[in-house]
Amino acid sequence: TKLKIILLIPLRKNNRKILRKITCNGIVVRQAYMKNNGKYSYDTGI
């Protein structure tokens, strides 16, 4: 599955914390049905 991805990466610039927005495209390469903290979800590699 092809996806548009938006990531927020925390960085330090001039002694201040900032968030850098990264936009890219990705493809689902792995997925497993998992139980996490009592809830079911799909652990997904992109």
PDB file of all heavy atoms in Angstrom:
ATOM      1  N   THR A   1       0.853  -1.188   0.000  1.00  0.00           N
ATOM      2  CA  THR A   1       0.000   0.000   0.000  1.00  0.00           C
ATOM      3  C   THR A   1       0.887   1.236   0.000  1.00  0.00           C
ATOM      4  O   THR A   1       1.817   1.355   0.796  1.00  0.00           O
ATOM      5  CB  THR A   1      -0.914   0.026   1.247  1.00  0.00           C
ATOM      6  OG1 THR A   1      -1.782  -1.096   1.209  1.00  0.00           O
ATOM      7  CG2 THR A   1      -1.738   1.297   1.307  1.00  0.00           C
ATOM      8  N   LYS A   2       0.599   2.174  -0.899  1.00  0.00           N
ATOM      9  CA  LYS A   2       1.365   3.421  -0.984  1.00  0.00           C
ATOM     10  C   LYS A   2       0.728   4.453  -0.064  1.00  0.00           C
ATOM     11  O   LYS A   2      -0.486   4.622  -0.059  1.00  0.00           O
ATOM     12  CB  LYS A   2       1.383   3.934  -2.421  1.00  0.00           C
ATOM     13  CG  LYS A   2       2.133   3.020  -3.358  1.00  0.00           C
ATOM     14  CD  LYS A   2       2.101   3.533  -4.774  1.00  0.00           C
ATOM     15  CE  LYS A   2       2.825   2.562  -5.689  1.00  0.00           C
ATOM     16  NZ  LYS A   2       2.791   3.009  -7.084  1.00  0.00           N
ATOM     17  N   LEU A   3       1.559   5.134   0.720  1.00  0.00           N
ATOM     18  CA  LEU A   3       1.087   6.107   1.695  1.00  0.00           C
ATOM     19  C   LEU A   3       1.875   7.405   1.596  1.00  0.00           C
ATOM     20  O   LEU A   3       3.067   7.398   1.303  1.00  0.00           O
ATOM     21  CB  LEU A   3       1.265   5.563   3.120  1.00  0.00           C
ATOM     22  CG  LEU A   3       0.539   4.279   3.477  1.00  0.00           C
ATOM     23  CD1 LEU A   3       1.074   3.724   4.783  1.00  0.00           C
ATOM     24  CD2 LEU A   3      -0.948   4.533   3.564  1.00  0.00           C
ATOM     25  N   LYS A   4       1.189   8.503   1.880  1.00  0.00           N
ATOM     26  CA  LYS A   4       1.871   9.771   2.114  1.00  0.00           C
ATOM     27  C   LYS A   4       2.141   9.807   3.619  1.00  0.00           C
ATOM     28  O   LYS A   4       1.264   9.483   4.419  1.00  0.00           O
ATOM     29  CB  LYS A   4       0.992  10.949   1.713  1.00  0.00           C
ATOM     30  CG  LYS A   4       1.636  12.288   1.990  1.00  0.00           C
ATOM     31  CD  LYS A   4       0.724  13.427   1.587  1.00  0.00           C
ATOM     32  CE  LYS A   4       1.313  14.749   2.002  1.00  0.00           C
ATOM     33  NZ  LYS A   4       0.364  15.842   1.743  1.00  0.00           N
ATOM     34  N   ILE A   5       3.338  10.199   4.003  1.00  0.00           N
ATOM     35  CA  ILE A   5       3.757  10.181   5.403  1.00  0.00           C
ATOM     36  C   ILE A   5       4.143  11.587   5.841  1.00  0.00           C
ATOM     37  O   ILE A   5       4.865  12.288   5.135  1.00  0.00           O
ATOM     38  CB  ILE A   5       4.958   9.239   5.596  1.00  0.00           C
ATOM     39  CG1 ILE A   5       4.574   7.816   5.181  1.00  0.00           C
ATOM     40  CG2 ILE A   5       5.475   9.281   7.022  1.00  0.00           C
ATOM     41  CD1 ILE A   5       5.752   6.900   5.023  1.00  0.00           C
ATOM     42  N   ILE A   6       3.640  11.963   7.014  1.00  0.00           N
ATOM     43  CA  ILE A   6       4.051  13.223   7.629  1.00  0.00           C
ATOM     44  C   ILE A   6       4.602  12.887   9.011  1.00  0.00           C
ATOM     45  O   ILE A   6       3.901  12.319   9.844  1.00  0.00           O
ATOM     46  CB  ILE A   6       2.881  14.219   7.727  1.00  0.00           C
ATOM     47  CG1 ILE A   6       2.328  14.519   6.333  1.00  0.00           C
ATOM     48  CG2 ILE A   6       3.337  15.495   8.439  1.00  0.00           C
ATOM     49  CD1 ILE A   6       1.029  15.281   6.325  1.00  0.00           C
ATOM     50  N   LEU A   7       5.857  13.213   9.224  1.00  0.00           N
ATOM     51  CA  LEU A   7       6.551  12.961  10.490  1.00  0.00           C
ATOM     52  C   LEU A   7       6.916  14.280  11.140  1.00  0.00           C
ATOM     53  O   LEU A   7       7.265  15.239  10.444  1.00  0.00           O
ATOM     54  CB  LEU A   7       7.869  12.231  10.231  1.00  0.00           C
ATOM     55  CG  LEU A   7       7.898  10.735  10.151  1.00  0.00           C
ATOM     56  CD1 LEU A   7       9.211  10.297   9.538  1.00  0.00           C
ATOM     57  CD2 LEU A   7       7.724  10.127  11.506  1.00  0.00           C
ATOM     58  N   LEU A   8       6.867  14.328  12.457  1.00  0.00           N
ATOM     59  CA  LEU A   8       7.349  15.497  13.198  1.00  0.00           C
ATOM     60  C   LEU A   8       8.586  15.083  13.972  1.00  0.00           C
ATOM     61  O   LEU A   8       8.518  14.244  14.872  1.00  0.00           O
ATOM     62  CB  LEU A   8       6.263  16.031  14.134  1.00  0.00           C
ATOM     63  CG  LEU A   8       5.016  16.579  13.444  1.00  0.00           C
ATOM     64  CD1 LEU A   8       3.984  17.007  14.475  1.00  0.00           C
ATOM     65  CD2 LEU A   8       5.353  17.735  12.521  1.00  0.00           C
ATOM     66  N   ILE A   9       9.711  15.675  13.611  1.00  0.00           N
ATOM     67  CA  ILE A   9      11.002  15.329  14.212  1.00  0.00           C
ATOM     68  C   ILE A   9      11.438  16.458  15.139  1.00  0.00           C
ATOM     69  O   ILE A   9      11.606  17.596  14.689  1.00  0.00           O
ATOM     70  CB  ILE A   9      12.078  15.119  13.124  1.00  0.00           C
ATOM     71  CG1 ILE A   9      11.631  14.098  12.078  1.00  0.00           C
ATOM     72  CG2 ILE A   9      13.422  14.753  13.748  1.00  0.00           C
ATOM     73  CD1 ILE A   9      11.545  12.687  12.568  1.00  0.00           C
ATOM     74  N   PRO A  10      11.637  16.172  16.432  1.00  0.00           N
ATOM     75  CA  PRO A  10      12.100  17.225  17.349  1.00  0.00           C
ATOM     76  C   PRO A  10      13.598  17.489  17.161  1.00  0.00           C
ATOM     77  O   PRO A  10      14.394  16.565  17.085  1.00  0.00           O
ATOM     78  CB  PRO A  10      11.815  16.636  18.731  1.00  0.00           C
ATOM     79  CG  PRO A  10      11.814  15.160  18.531  1.00  0.00           C
ATOM     80  CD  PRO A  10      11.392  14.907  17.114  1.00  0.00           C
ATOM     81  N   LEU A  11      13.937  18.751  17.067  1.00  0.00           N
ATOM     82  CA  LEU A  11      15.329  19.163  16.900  1.00  0.00           C
ATOM     83  C   LEU A  11      15.642  20.307  17.850  1.00  0.00           C
ATOM     84  O   LEU A  11      14.751  20.959  18.366  1.00  0.00           O
ATOM     85  CB  LEU A  11      15.573  19.642  15.461  1.00  0.00           C
ATOM     86  CG  LEU A  11      15.314  18.652  14.343  1.00  0.00           C
ATOM     87  CD1 LEU A  11      15.429  19.361  13.001  1.00  0.00           C
ATOM     88  CD2 LEU A  11      16.282  17.498  14.412  1.00  0.00           C
ATOM     89  N   ARG A  12      16.925  20.548  18.033  1.00  0.00           N
ATOM     90  CA  ARG A  12      17.373  21.705  18.786  1.00  0.00           C
ATOM     91  C   ARG A  12      18.001  22.688  17.811  1.00  0.00           C
ATOM     92  O   ARG A  12      18.846  22.325  17.001  1.00  0.00           O
ATOM     93  CB  ARG A  12      18.417  21.308  19.820  1.00  0.00           C
ATOM     94  CG  ARG A  12      17.858  20.755  21.090  1.00  0.00           C
ATOM     95  CD  ARG A  12      18.797  21.184  22.215  1.00  0.00           C
ATOM     96  NE  ARG A  12      18.340  20.984  23.546  1.00  0.00           N
ATOM     97  CZ  ARG A  12      17.352  21.636  24.136  1.00  0.00           C
ATOM     98  NH1 ARG A  12      16.661  22.497  23.475  1.00  0.00           N
ATOM     99  NH2 ARG A  12      17.050  21.427  25.393  1.00  0.00           N
ATOM    100  N   LYS A  13      17.556  23.947  17.899  1.00  0.00           N
ATOM    101  CA  LYS A  13      18.121  24.988  17.040  1.00  0.00           C
ATOM    102  C   LYS A  13      18.279  26.242  17.887  1.00  0.00           C
ATOM    103  O   LYS A  13      17.316  26.725  18.468  1.00  0.00           O
ATOM    104  CB  LYS A  13      17.199  25.256  15.851  1.00  0.00           C
ATOM    105  CG  LYS A  13      17.801  26.152  14.812  1.00  0.00           C
ATOM    106  CD  LYS A  13      16.934  26.194  13.572  1.00  0.00           C
ATOM    107  CE  LYS A  13      17.623  26.984  12.503  1.00  0.00           C
ATOM    108  NZ  LYS A  13      16.869  26.984  11.254  1.00  0.00           N
ATOM    109  N   ASN A  14      19.501  26.732  17.975  1.00  0.00           N
ATOM    110  CA  ASN A  14      19.803  27.915  18.795  1.00  0.00           C
ATOM    111  C   ASN A  14      19.294  27.748  20.221  1.00  0.00           C
ATOM    112  O   ASN A  14      18.644  28.619  20.775  1.00  0.00           O
ATOM    113  CB  ASN A  14      19.211  29.183  18.163  1.00  0.00           C
ATOM    114  CG  ASN A  14      19.770  29.450  16.786  1.00  0.00           C
ATOM    115  OD1 ASN A  14      20.927  29.144  16.516  1.00  0.00           O
ATOM    116  ND2 ASN A  14      18.946  29.991  15.913  1.00  0.00           N
ATOM    117  N   ASN A  15      19.554  26.580  20.796  1.00  0.00           N
ATOM    118  CA  ASN A  15      19.149  26.245  22.176  1.00  0.00           C
ATOM    119  C   ASN A  15      17.635  26.208  22.385  1.00  0.00           C
ATOM    120  O   ASN A  15      17.164  26.324  23.494  1.00  0.00           O
ATOM    121  CB  ASN A  15      19.777  27.202  23.181  1.00  0.00           C
ATOM    122  CG  ASN A  15      20.987  26.592  23.836  1.00  0.00           C
ATOM    123  OD1 ASN A  15      21.242  25.391  23.696  1.00  0.00           O
ATOM    124  ND2 ASN A  15      21.729  27.393  24.554  1.00  0.00           N
ATOM    125  N   ARG A  16      16.868  26.089  21.320  1.00  0.00           N
ATOM    126  CA  ARG A  16      15.411  25.964  21.419  1.00  0.00           C
ATOM    127  C   ARG A  16      14.986  24.654  20.791  1.00  0.00           C
ATOM    128  O   ARG A  16      15.594  24.196  19.829  1.00  0.00           O
ATOM    129  CB  ARG A  16      14.712  27.095  20.659  1.00  0.00           C
ATOM    130  CG  ARG A  16      14.852  28.442  21.267  1.00  0.00           C
ATOM    131  CD  ARG A  16      14.054  29.482  20.525  1.00  0.00           C
ATOM    132  NE  ARG A  16      13.277  28.881  19.429  1.00  0.00           N
ATOM    133  CZ  ARG A  16      12.721  29.535  18.459  1.00  0.00           C
ATOM    134  NH1 ARG A  16      12.844  30.822  18.388  1.00  0.00           N
ATOM    135  NH2 ARG A  16      12.027  28.930  17.516  1.00  0.00           N
ATOM    136  N   LYS A  17      13.937  24.083  21.330  1.00  0.00           N
ATOM    137  CA  LYS A  17      13.365  22.882  20.727  1.00  0.00           C
ATOM    138  C   LYS A  17      12.390  23.296  19.632  1.00  0.00           C
ATOM    139  O   LYS A  17      11.553  24.177  19.844  1.00  0.00           O
ATOM    140  CB  LYS A  17      12.615  22.045  21.762  1.00  0.00           C
ATOM    141  CG  LYS A  17      13.502  21.322  22.727  1.00  0.00           C
ATOM    142  CD  LYS A  17      12.683  20.445  23.638  1.00  0.00           C
ATOM    143  CE  LYS A  17      13.569  19.711  24.617  1.00  0.00           C
ATOM    144  NZ  LYS A  17      12.791  18.849  25.513  1.00  0.00           N
ATOM    145  N   ILE A  18      12.534  22.686  18.467  1.00  0.00           N
ATOM    146  CA  ILE A  18      11.613  22.933  17.364  1.00  0.00           C
ATOM    147  C   ILE A  18      11.167  21.589  16.790  1.00  0.00           C
ATOM    148  O   ILE A  18      11.813  20.561  17.022  1.00  0.00           O
ATOM    149  CB  ILE A  18      12.249  23.794  16.251  1.00  0.00           C
ATOM    150  CG1 ILE A  18      13.454  23.076  15.638  1.00  0.00           C
ATOM    151  CG2 ILE A  18      12.614  25.169  16.755  1.00  0.00           C
ATOM    152  CD1 ILE A  18      13.946  23.716  14.355  1.00  0.00           C
ATOM    153  N   LEU A  19      10.068  21.600  16.057  1.00  0.00           N
ATOM    154  CA  LEU A  19       9.614  20.408  15.363  1.00  0.00           C
ATOM    155  C   LEU A  19       9.815  20.619  13.875  1.00  0.00           C
ATOM    156  O   LEU A  19       9.386  21.626  13.324  1.00  0.00           O
ATOM    157  CB  LEU A  19       8.135  20.130  15.640  1.00  0.00           C
ATOM    158  CG  LEU A  19       7.790  19.612  17.026  1.00  0.00           C
ATOM    159  CD1 LEU A  19       6.279  19.483  17.173  1.00  0.00           C
ATOM    160  CD2 LEU A  19       8.463  18.284  17.292  1.00  0.00           C
ATOM    161  N   ARG A  20      10.472  19.677  13.240  1.00  0.00           N
ATOM    162  CA  ARG A  20      10.679  19.734  11.795  1.00  0.00           C
ATOM    163  C   ARG A  20       9.692  18.772  11.139  1.00  0.00           C
ATOM    164  O   ARG A  20       9.649  17.597  11.475  1.00  0.00           O
ATOM    165  CB  ARG A  20      12.114  19.342  11.460  1.00  0.00           C
ATOM    166  CG  ARG A  20      12.403  19.153  10.004  1.00  0.00           C
ATOM    167  CD  ARG A  20      12.655  20.476   9.298  1.00  0.00           C
ATOM    168  NE  ARG A  20      12.863  20.253   7.886  1.00  0.00           N
ATOM    169  CZ  ARG A  20      14.035  20.068   7.307  1.00  0.00           C
ATOM    170  NH1 ARG A  20      15.138  20.104   8.030  1.00  0.00           N
ATOM    171  NH2 ARG A  20      14.111  19.854   6.019  1.00  0.00           N
ATOM    172  N   LYS A  21       8.900  19.288  10.234  1.00  0.00           N
ATOM    173  CA  LYS A  21       7.911  18.483   9.521  1.00  0.00           C
ATOM    174  C   LYS A  21       8.566  17.847   8.300  1.00  0.00           C
ATOM    175  O   LYS A  21       9.113  18.543   7.451  1.00  0.00           O
ATOM    176  CB  LYS A  21       6.730  19.365   9.097  1.00  0.00           C
ATOM    177  CG  LYS A  21       5.626  18.631   8.413  1.00  0.00           C
ATOM    178  CD  LYS A  21       4.511  19.625   8.083  1.00  0.00           C
ATOM    179  CE  LYS A  21       3.416  18.999   7.279  1.00  0.00           C
ATOM    180  NZ  LYS A  21       2.362  19.977   6.958  1.00  0.00           N
ATOM    181  N   ILE A  22       8.500  16.518   8.244  1.00  0.00           N
ATOM    182  CA  ILE A  22       9.044  15.760   7.116  1.00  0.00           C
ATOM    183  C   ILE A  22       7.865  15.137   6.379  1.00  0.00           C
ATOM    184  O   ILE A  22       7.044  14.451   6.981  1.00  0.00           O
ATOM    185  CB  ILE A  22       9.983  14.628   7.592  1.00  0.00           C
ATOM    186  CG1 ILE A  22      11.093  15.149   8.485  1.00  0.00           C
ATOM    187  CG2 ILE A  22      10.469  13.786   6.429  1.00  0.00           C
ATOM    188  CD1 ILE A  22      12.265  15.725   7.795  1.00  0.00           C
ATOM    189  N   THR A  23       7.777  15.389   5.087  1.00  0.00           N
ATOM    190  CA  THR A  23       6.734  14.790   4.257  1.00  0.00           C
ATOM    191  C   THR A  23       7.414  13.929   3.203  1.00  0.00           C
ATOM    192  O   THR A  23       8.335  14.390   2.516  1.00  0.00           O
ATOM    193  CB  THR A  23       5.879  15.878   3.574  1.00  0.00           C
ATOM    194  OG1 THR A  23       5.298  16.706   4.591  1.00  0.00           O
ATOM    195  CG2 THR A  23       4.763  15.260   2.753  1.00  0.00           C
ATOM    196  N   CYS A  24       6.986  12.669   3.118  1.00  0.00           N
ATOM    197  CA  CYS A  24       7.569  11.755   2.141  1.00  0.00           C
ATOM    198  C   CYS A  24       6.527  10.704   1.759  1.00  0.00           C
ATOM    199  O   CYS A  24       5.392  10.764   2.223  1.00  0.00           O
ATOM    200  CB  CYS A  24       8.829  11.100   2.690  1.00  0.00           C
ATOM    201  SG  CYS A  24       8.570  10.081   4.156  1.00  0.00           S
ATOM    202  N   ASN A  25       6.913   9.769   0.936  1.00  0.00           N
ATOM    203  CA  ASN A  25       6.036   8.670   0.554  1.00  0.00           C
ATOM    204  C   ASN A  25       6.637   7.364   1.018  1.00  0.00           C
ATOM    205  O   ASN A  25       7.858   7.213   1.093  1.00  0.00           O
ATOM    206  CB  ASN A  25       5.833   8.633  -0.962  1.00  0.00           C
ATOM    207  CG  ASN A  25       5.062   9.835  -1.459  1.00  0.00           C
ATOM    208  OD1 ASN A  25       4.083  10.245  -0.851  1.00  0.00           O
ATOM    209  ND2 ASN A  25       5.506  10.411  -2.552  1.00  0.00           N
ATOM    210  N   GLY A  26       5.756   6.420   1.331  1.00  0.00           N
ATOM    211  CA  GLY A  26       6.217   5.127   1.789  1.00  0.00           C
ATOM    212  C   GLY A  26       5.337   4.000   1.289  1.00  0.00           C
ATOM    213  O   GLY A  26       4.259   4.235   0.741  1.00  0.00           O
ATOM    214  N   ILE A  27       5.817   2.780   1.494  1.00  0.00           N
ATOM    215  CA  ILE A  27       5.110   1.571   1.090  1.00  0.00           C
ATOM    216  C   ILE A  27       5.083   0.621   2.288  1.00  0.00           C
ATOM    217  O   ILE A  27       6.104   0.416   2.952  1.00  0.00           O
ATOM    218  CB  ILE A  27       5.830   0.877  -0.081  1.00  0.00           C
ATOM    219  CG1 ILE A  27       5.839   1.770  -1.312  1.00  0.00           C
ATOM    220  CG2 ILE A  27       5.176  -0.455  -0.415  1.00  0.00           C
ATOM    221  CD1 ILE A  27       6.648   1.215  -2.469  1.00  0.00           C
ATOM    222  N   VAL A  28       3.909   0.037   2.544  1.00  0.00           N
ATOM    223  CA  VAL A  28       3.777  -0.955   3.613  1.00  0.00           C
ATOM    224  C   VAL A  28       4.540  -2.213   3.186  1.00  0.00           C
ATOM    225  O   VAL A  28       4.253  -2.793   2.136  1.00  0.00           O
ATOM    226  CB  VAL A  28       2.298  -1.294   3.894  1.00  0.00           C
ATOM    227  CG1 VAL A  28       2.187  -2.407   4.925  1.00  0.00           C
ATOM    228  CG2 VAL A  28       1.540  -0.055   4.349  1.00  0.00           C
ATOM    229  N   VAL A  29       5.516  -2.617   4.002  1.00  0.00           N
ATOM    230  CA  VAL A  29       6.314  -3.799   3.673  1.00  0.00           C
ATOM    231  C   VAL A  29       6.108  -4.945   4.661  1.00  0.00           C
ATOM    232  O   VAL A  29       6.515  -6.076   4.398  1.00  0.00           O
ATOM    233  CB  VAL A  29       7.818  -3.462   3.572  1.00  0.00           C
ATOM    234  CG1 VAL A  29       8.085  -2.560   2.372  1.00  0.00           C
ATOM    235  CG2 VAL A  29       8.340  -2.843   4.849  1.00  0.00           C
ATOM    236  N   ARG A  30       5.464  -4.643   5.788  1.00  0.00           N
ATOM    237  CA  ARG A  30       5.231  -5.685   6.796  1.00  0.00           C
ATOM    238  C   ARG A  30       4.067  -5.255   7.669  1.00  0.00           C
ATOM    239  O   ARG A  30       3.901  -4.081   7.970  1.00  0.00           O
ATOM    240  CB  ARG A  30       6.490  -5.837   7.637  1.00  0.00           C
ATOM    241  CG  ARG A  30       6.462  -6.917   8.640  1.00  0.00           C
ATOM    242  CD  ARG A  30       7.830  -7.115   9.263  1.00  0.00           C
ATOM    243  NE  ARG A  30       8.668  -5.925   9.205  1.00  0.00           N
ATOM    244  CZ  ARG A  30       9.353  -5.442  10.217  1.00  0.00           C
ATOM    245  NH1 ARG A  30       9.307  -6.026  11.378  1.00  0.00           N
ATOM    246  NH2 ARG A  30      10.089  -4.376  10.093  1.00  0.00           N
ATOM    247  N   GLN A  31       3.263  -6.246   8.093  1.00  0.00           N
ATOM    248  CA  GLN A  31       2.175  -5.951   9.023  1.00  0.00           C
ATOM    249  C   GLN A  31       1.823  -7.210   9.803  1.00  0.00           C
ATOM    250  O   GLN A  31       1.744  -8.293   9.242  1.00  0.00           O
ATOM    251  CB  GLN A  31       0.945  -5.408   8.299  1.00  0.00           C
ATOM    252  CG  GLN A  31      -0.066  -4.816   9.288  1.00  0.00           C
ATOM    253  CD  GLN A  31      -1.123  -3.988   8.596  1.00  0.00           C
ATOM    254  OE1 GLN A  31      -1.822  -4.476   7.749  1.00  0.00           O
ATOM    255  NE2 GLN A  31      -1.250  -2.728   9.012  1.00  0.00           N
ATOM    256  N   ALA A  32       1.637  -7.042  11.112  1.00  0.00           N
ATOM    257  CA  ALA A  32       1.284  -8.159  11.987  1.00  0.00           C
ATOM    258  C   ALA A  32       0.193  -7.716  12.952  1.00  0.00           C
ATOM    259  O   ALA A  32       0.259  -6.627  13.514  1.00  0.00           O
ATOM    260  CB  ALA A  32       2.513  -8.631  12.765  1.00  0.00           C
ATOM    261  N   TYR A  33      -0.809  -8.561  13.132  1.00  0.00           N
ATOM    262  CA  TYR A  33      -1.907  -8.284  14.055  1.00  0.00           C
ATOM    263  C   TYR A  33      -1.404  -8.563  15.460  1.00  0.00           C
ATOM    264  O   TYR A  33      -0.958  -9.672  15.760  1.00  0.00           O
ATOM    265  CB  TYR A  33      -3.091  -9.178  13.696  1.00  0.00           C
ATOM    266  CG  TYR A  33      -4.385  -8.843  14.395  1.00  0.00           C
ATOM    267  CD1 TYR A  33      -4.948  -7.581  14.288  1.00  0.00           C
ATOM    268  CD2 TYR A  33      -5.056  -9.800  15.140  1.00  0.00           C
ATOM    269  CE1 TYR A  33      -6.147  -7.272  14.912  1.00  0.00           C
ATOM    270  CE2 TYR A  33      -6.257  -9.507  15.770  1.00  0.00           C
ATOM    271  CZ  TYR A  33      -6.797  -8.248  15.642  1.00  0.00           C
ATOM    272  OH  TYR A  33      -7.984  -7.947  16.264  1.00  0.00           O
ATOM    273  N   MET A  34      -1.441  -7.561  16.341  1.00  0.00           N
ATOM    274  CA  MET A  34      -0.839  -7.676  17.671  1.00  0.00           C
ATOM    275  C   MET A  34      -1.777  -7.174  18.752  1.00  0.00           C
ATOM    276  O   MET A  34      -2.652  -6.349  18.494  1.00  0.00           O
ATOM    277  CB  MET A  34       0.441  -6.827  17.737  1.00  0.00           C
ATOM    278  CG  MET A  34       1.476  -7.124  16.694  1.00  0.00           C
ATOM    279  SD  MET A  34       2.222  -8.737  16.853  1.00  0.00           S
ATOM    280  CE  MET A  34       3.189  -8.495  18.304  1.00  0.00           C
ATOM    281  N   LYS A  35      -1.552  -7.659  19.964  1.00  0.00           N
ATOM    282  CA  LYS A  35      -2.250  -7.133  21.129  1.00  0.00           C
ATOM    283  C   LYS A  35      -1.265  -6.233  21.864  1.00  0.00           C
ATOM    284  O   LYS A  35      -0.211  -6.675  22.312  1.00  0.00           O
ATOM    285  CB  LYS A  35      -2.711  -8.269  22.040  1.00  0.00           C
ATOM    286  CG  LYS A  35      -3.553  -7.796  23.200  1.00  0.00           C
ATOM    287  CD  LYS A  35      -4.100  -8.968  24.001  1.00  0.00           C
ATOM    288  CE  LYS A  35      -5.015  -8.472  25.103  1.00  0.00           C
ATOM    289  NZ  LYS A  35      -5.588  -9.581  25.865  1.00  0.00           N
ATOM    290  N   ASN A  36      -1.593  -4.940  21.940  1.00  0.00           N
ATOM    291  CA  ASN A  36      -0.740  -3.945  22.597  1.00  0.00           C
ATOM    292  C   ASN A  36      -1.532  -3.267  23.704  1.00  0.00           C
ATOM    293  O   ASN A  36      -2.549  -2.641  23.436  1.00  0.00           O
ATOM    294  CB  ASN A  36      -0.267  -2.881  21.596  1.00  0.00           C
ATOM    295  CG  ASN A  36       0.668  -3.427  20.546  1.00  0.00           C
ATOM    296  OD1 ASN A  36       1.529  -4.225  20.861  1.00  0.00           O
ATOM    297  ND2 ASN A  36       0.486  -3.010  19.309  1.00  0.00           N
ATOM    298  N   ASN A  37      -1.070  -3.393  24.934  1.00  0.00           N
ATOM    299  CA  ASN A  37      -1.729  -2.749  26.077  1.00  0.00           C
ATOM    300  C   ASN A  37      -3.217  -3.074  26.140  1.00  0.00           C
ATOM    301  O   ASN A  37      -4.055  -2.203  26.368  1.00  0.00           O
ATOM    302  CB  ASN A  37      -1.523  -1.230  26.036  1.00  0.00           C
ATOM    303  CG  ASN A  37      -0.065  -0.855  26.149  1.00  0.00           C
ATOM    304  OD1 ASN A  37       0.691  -1.499  26.856  1.00  0.00           O
ATOM    305  ND2 ASN A  37       0.335   0.183  25.450  1.00  0.00           N
ATOM    306  N   GLY A  38      -3.569  -4.325  25.887  1.00  0.00           N
ATOM    307  CA  GLY A  38      -4.954  -4.758  25.975  1.00  0.00           C
ATOM    308  C   GLY A  38      -5.803  -4.453  24.757  1.00  0.00           C
ATOM    309  O   GLY A  38      -6.966  -4.826  24.696  1.00  0.00           O
ATOM    310  N   LYS A  39      -5.236  -3.774  23.777  1.00  0.00           N
ATOM    311  CA  LYS A  39      -5.965  -3.442  22.553  1.00  0.00           C
ATOM    312  C   LYS A  39      -5.282  -4.121  21.367  1.00  0.00           C
ATOM    313  O   LYS A  39      -4.071  -4.311  21.367  1.00  0.00           O
ATOM    314  CB  LYS A  39      -5.980  -1.929  22.321  1.00  0.00           C
ATOM    315  CG  LYS A  39      -6.712  -1.154  23.383  1.00  0.00           C
ATOM    316  CD  LYS A  39      -6.674   0.318  23.063  1.00  0.00           C
ATOM    317  CE  LYS A  39      -7.396   1.117  24.132  1.00  0.00           C
ATOM    318  NZ  LYS A  39      -7.364   2.545  23.869  1.00  0.00           N
ATOM    319  N   TYR A  40      -6.079  -4.447  20.381  1.00  0.00           N
ATOM    320  CA  TYR A  40      -5.517  -5.052  19.183  1.00  0.00           C
ATOM    321  C   TYR A  40      -5.225  -3.979  18.141  1.00  0.00           C
ATOM    322  O   TYR A  40      -5.996  -3.042  17.956  1.00  0.00           O
ATOM    323  CB  TYR A  40      -6.469  -6.108  18.612  1.00  0.00           C
ATOM    324  CG  TYR A  40      -6.488  -7.353  19.453  1.00  0.00           C
ATOM    325  CD1 TYR A  40      -7.426  -7.524  20.461  1.00  0.00           C
ATOM    326  CD2 TYR A  40      -5.538  -8.349  19.257  1.00  0.00           C
ATOM    327  CE1 TYR A  40      -7.423  -8.662  21.247  1.00  0.00           C
ATOM    328  CE2 TYR A  40      -5.522  -9.491  20.043  1.00  0.00           C
ATOM    329  CZ  TYR A  40      -6.475  -9.641  21.033  1.00  0.00           C
ATOM    330  OH  TYR A  40      -6.459 -10.766  21.808  1.00  0.00           O
ATOM    331  N   SER A  41      -4.103  -4.134  17.478  1.00  0.00           N
ATOM    332  CA  SER A  41      -3.710  -3.198  16.424  1.00  0.00           C
ATOM    333  C   SER A  41      -2.826  -3.947  15.435  1.00  0.00           C
ATOM    334  O   SER A  41      -2.523  -5.126  15.612  1.00  0.00           O
ATOM    335  CB  SER A  41      -2.962  -2.006  17.017  1.00  0.00           C
ATOM    336  OG  SER A  41      -1.747  -2.431  17.599  1.00  0.00           O
ATOM    337  N   TYR A  42      -2.423  -3.260  14.421  1.00  0.00           N
ATOM    338  CA  TYR A  42      -1.544  -3.830  13.409  1.00  0.00           C
ATOM    339  C   TYR A  42      -0.182  -3.146  13.484  1.00  0.00           C
ATOM    340  O   TYR A  42      -0.076  -1.943  13.212  1.00  0.00           O
ATOM    341  CB  TYR A  42      -2.147  -3.623  12.014  1.00  0.00           C
ATOM    342  CG  TYR A  42      -3.439  -4.366  11.798  1.00  0.00           C
ATOM    343  CD1 TYR A  42      -4.658  -3.771  12.095  1.00  0.00           C
ATOM    344  CD2 TYR A  42      -3.434  -5.664  11.301  1.00  0.00           C
ATOM    345  CE1 TYR A  42      -5.845  -4.457  11.898  1.00  0.00           C
ATOM    346  CE2 TYR A  42      -4.618  -6.359  11.101  1.00  0.00           C
ATOM    347  CZ  TYR A  42      -5.814  -5.748  11.402  1.00  0.00           C
ATOM    348  OH  TYR A  42      -7.000  -6.428  11.214  1.00  0.00           O
ATOM    349  N   ASP A  43       0.836  -3.899  13.885  1.00  0.00           N
ATOM    350  CA  ASP A  43       2.191  -3.370  13.863  1.00  0.00           C
ATOM    351  C   ASP A  43       2.638  -3.365  12.408  1.00  0.00           C
ATOM    352  O   ASP A  43       2.614  -4.401  11.737  1.00  0.00           O
ATOM    353  CB  ASP A  43       3.124  -4.213  14.717  1.00  0.00           C
ATOM    354  CG  ASP A  43       2.967  -3.920  16.196  1.00  0.00           C
ATOM    355  OD1 ASP A  43       2.140  -3.062  16.545  1.00  0.00           O
ATOM    356  OD2 ASP A  43       3.676  -4.544  16.998  1.00  0.00           O
ATOM    357  N   THR A  44       3.038  -2.195  11.926  1.00  0.00           N
ATOM    358  CA  THR A  44       3.231  -1.995  10.494  1.00  0.00           C
ATOM    359  C   THR A  44       4.609  -1.420  10.192  1.00  0.00           C
ATOM    360  O   THR A  44       5.012  -0.419  10.775  1.00  0.00           O
ATOM    361  CB  THR A  44       2.133  -1.023   9.974  1.00  0.00           C
ATOM    362  OG1 THR A  44       0.850  -1.556  10.328  1.00  0.00           O
ATOM    363  CG2 THR A  44       2.218  -0.848   8.477  1.00  0.00           C
ATOM    364  N   GLY A  45       5.313  -2.060   9.276  1.00  0.00           N
ATOM    365  CA  GLY A  45       6.597  -1.573   8.796  1.00  0.00           C
ATOM    366  C   GLY A  45       6.408  -0.844   7.484  1.00  0.00           C
ATOM    367  O   GLY A  45       5.765  -1.363   6.560  1.00  0.00           O
ATOM    368  N   ILE A  46       6.938   0.370   7.398  1.00  0.00           N
ATOM    369  CA  ILE A  46       6.777   1.205   6.205  1.00  0.00           C
ATOM    370  C   ILE A  46       8.155   1.644   5.718  1.00  0.00           C
ATOM    371  O   ILE A  46       8.946   2.204   6.479  1.00  0.00           O
ATOM    372  CB  ILE A  46       5.905   2.434   6.508  1.00  0.00           C
ATOM    373  CG1 ILE A  46       4.533   1.987   7.022  1.00  0.00           C
ATOM    374  CG2 ILE A  46       5.773   3.315   5.269  1.00  0.00           C
ATOM    375  CD1 ILE A  46       3.711   3.096   7.631  1.00  0.00           C
TER     376      ILE A  46
END
